[in-house]
Amino acid sequence: MSRESGSIDNPKDFQKEPMPKIPYDFPKERLPLNLCEIELADILKCVNYTGYTIQCSHYMTKYYLCKKKRDTAIFGEIQEWETEKYSKLGLQERRDYIQTIKDENDELNKKLKTAVKENQDENLQWRLSSDLKQNKWRVEYLSETQ
């Protein structure tokens, strides 16, 4: 769920990256310690001081790279934790688990279509799209679990 390293000069480019959605029962101790708060604070200070994002591109790049590293770690932890949890389920429970994710995707698709049709907030559309991608990925790796 990650892309190659790079830089970012336009804040809208953040919307091209999937963002992890943490499962409700995911253990918080599995989250990385560095959640990139310092890097984000540096961007905010720069923008508040200069008023221009272009002058803050160095800070944006640092945050972007931190965020990618953080999100990759979170995706890995989610996959490891969920695969372990899933492997302990019985056959019918596994089917139900996968079906629950697919049902959630159906709801997300409806919400995304409505958001696009009604020209709603781009951030909402990005969040819904990101959640759909993550759920597809989850179904793929869980389907491969024995």
Protein backbone atom coordinates (compact mmCIF):
# COMPACT_ATOMS: atom_id res chain seq x y z
CA MET A 1 0.00 0.00 0.00
CA SER A 2 2.90 2.37 -0.45
CA ARG A 3 4.58 4.18 -3.29
CA GLU A 4 8.20 4.97 -4.01
CA SER A 5 9.98 7.83 -2.23
CA GLY A 6 9.68 11.31 -3.57
CA SER A 7 8.96 14.89 -2.72
CA ILE A 8 5.83 16.92 -2.53
CA ASP A 9 5.34 20.56 -3.39
CA ASN A 10 1.56 20.68 -3.60
CA PRO A 11 -0.55 19.76 -0.56
CA LYS A 12 -3.20 18.26 -2.88
CA ASP A 13 -0.65 15.57 -3.74
CA PHE A 14 -1.23 14.10 -0.28
CA GLN A 15 -4.60 12.95 -1.61
CA LYS A 16 -2.88 10.53 -3.97
CA GLU A 17 -1.68 8.44 -1.04
CA PRO A 18 -3.89 5.88 0.69
CA MET A 19 -4.24 6.49 4.40
CA PRO A 20 -4.71 3.62 6.83
CA LYS A 21 -8.04 3.19 8.53
CA ILE A 22 -7.37 1.60 11.89
CA PRO A 23 -9.74 -1.30 12.72
CA TYR A 24 -11.79 -0.57 15.86
CA ASP A 25 -10.25 -3.43 17.85
CA PHE A 26 -6.67 -2.92 16.62
CA PRO A 27 -4.25 -2.80 19.59
CA LYS A 28 -2.90 0.75 19.95
CA GLU A 29 0.47 -0.55 21.15
CA ARG A 30 1.05 -1.83 17.60
CA LEU A 31 1.00 1.73 16.23
CA PRO A 32 4.39 3.30 15.49
CA LEU A 33 5.69 5.70 18.13
CA ASN A 34 6.47 8.41 15.57
CA LEU A 35 3.18 9.61 14.13
CA CYS A 36 4.91 12.56 12.38
CA GLU A 37 3.56 15.24 14.72
CA ILE A 38 6.86 17.18 14.72
CA GLU A 39 7.07 17.19 10.92
CA LEU A 40 3.47 18.38 10.65
CA ALA A 41 4.07 21.10 13.26
CA ASP A 42 7.08 22.31 11.22
CA ILE A 43 4.85 22.73 8.15
CA LEU A 44 2.24 24.64 10.13
CA LYS A 45 4.86 26.94 11.66
CA CYS A 46 6.38 27.63 8.24
CA VAL A 47 3.03 28.36 6.59
CA ASN A 48 1.95 30.56 9.50
CA TYR A 49 5.26 32.43 9.39
CA THR A 50 5.66 32.81 5.62
CA GLY A 51 2.08 32.50 4.43
CA TYR A 52 3.28 30.49 1.43
CA THR A 53 3.37 26.74 1.02
CA ILE A 54 5.96 26.90 -1.77
CA GLN A 55 8.54 28.23 0.69
CA CYS A 56 7.73 25.32 2.99
CA SER A 57 8.34 22.56 0.45
CA HIS A 58 11.34 21.24 2.41
CA TYR A 59 9.11 20.70 5.46
CA MET A 60 6.38 19.23 3.29
CA THR A 61 8.82 16.73 1.83
CA LYS A 62 10.02 15.73 5.31
CA TYR A 63 6.43 15.22 6.44
CA TYR A 64 5.51 13.34 3.26
CA LEU A 65 8.39 10.89 3.70
CA CYS A 66 7.63 10.47 7.41
CA LYS A 67 3.95 9.90 6.65
CA LYS A 68 4.76 7.28 4.00
CA LYS A 69 7.06 5.44 6.39
CA ARG A 70 4.47 5.66 9.18
CA ASP A 71 1.58 4.53 6.98
CA THR A 72 3.60 1.64 5.53
CA ALA A 73 4.38 0.49 9.08
CA ILE A 74 0.72 0.80 10.08
CA PHE A 75 -0.46 -1.14 7.01
CA GLY A 76 2.06 -3.87 7.84
CA GLU A 77 0.93 -4.07 11.45
CA ILE A 78 -2.73 -4.18 10.43
CA GLN A 79 -2.05 -7.00 7.98
CA GLU A 80 -0.02 -9.03 10.47
CA TRP A 81 -2.54 -8.54 13.29
CA GLU A 82 -5.61 -9.17 11.14
CA THR A 83 -4.13 -12.23 9.43
CA GLU A 84 -3.35 -13.73 12.83
CA LYS A 85 -6.86 -12.93 14.08
CA TYR A 86 -8.47 -14.29 10.89
CA SER A 87 -6.46 -17.53 10.93
CA LYS A 88 -7.96 -18.40 14.32
CA LEU A 89 -11.53 -18.19 13.01
CA GLY A 90 -13.62 -21.15 11.87
CA LEU A 91 -14.66 -21.51 8.22
CA GLN A 92 -18.09 -19.86 8.62
CA GLU A 93 -16.65 -17.07 10.77
CA ARG A 94 -14.09 -16.38 8.03
CA ARG A 95 -16.82 -16.17 5.40
CA ASP A 96 -18.79 -13.81 7.63
CA TYR A 97 -15.69 -11.69 8.28
CA ILE A 98 -14.96 -11.30 4.55
CA GLN A 99 -18.64 -10.60 3.86
CA THR A 100 -18.64 -7.85 6.48
CA ILE A 101 -15.74 -6.15 4.69
CA LYS A 102 -17.51 -6.53 1.32
CA ASP A 103 -20.73 -5.10 2.78
CA GLU A 104 -18.76 -2.15 4.12
CA ASN A 105 -17.33 -1.65 0.62
CA ASP A 106 -20.85 -1.59 -0.83
CA GLU A 107 -21.76 1.18 1.63
CA LEU A 108 -18.54 3.08 0.91
CA ASN A 109 -19.21 2.84 -2.84
CA LYS A 110 -22.70 4.29 -2.37
CA LYS A 111 -21.33 7.13 -0.25
CA LEU A 112 -18.56 7.84 -2.76
CA LYS A 113 -20.99 7.93 -5.70
CA THR A 114 -23.21 10.33 -3.76
CA ALA A 115 -20.23 12.49 -2.81
CA VAL A 116 -19.08 12.71 -6.44
CA LYS A 117 -22.60 13.29 -7.78
CA GLU A 118 -23.28 16.06 -5.27
CA ASN A 119 -19.79 17.51 -5.75
CA GLN A 120 -19.02 17.17 -2.04
CA ASP A 121 -15.73 17.91 -0.33
CA GLU A 122 -12.66 16.45 -2.10
CA ASN A 123 -11.28 15.30 1.24
CA LEU A 124 -14.38 13.20 1.87
CA GLN A 125 -14.09 11.66 -1.59
CA TRP A 126 -10.41 10.91 -0.99
CA ARG A 127 -11.14 9.34 2.42
CA LEU A 128 -13.89 7.11 0.99
CA SER A 129 -11.69 6.10 -1.94
CA SER A 130 -8.80 5.34 0.41
CA ASP A 131 -11.03 3.20 2.64
CA LEU A 132 -12.26 1.28 -0.42
CA LYS A 133 -8.68 0.56 -1.53
CA GLN A 134 -7.72 -0.62 1.93
CA ASN A 135 -10.73 -2.92 2.18
CA LYS A 136 -9.96 -4.46 -1.24
CA TRP A 137 -6.40 -5.04 -0.07
CA ARG A 138 -7.67 -6.63 3.17
CA VAL A 139 -9.96 -9.03 1.29
CA GLU A 140 -7.05 -10.00 -0.98
CA TYR A 141 -4.60 -10.85 1.78
CA LEU A 142 -7.23 -12.51 3.98
CA SER A 143 -8.39 -14.67 1.06
CA GLU A 144 -4.81 -15.97 0.75
CA THR A 145 -4.68 -16.89 4.46
CA GLN A 146 -4.94 -20.60 5.22
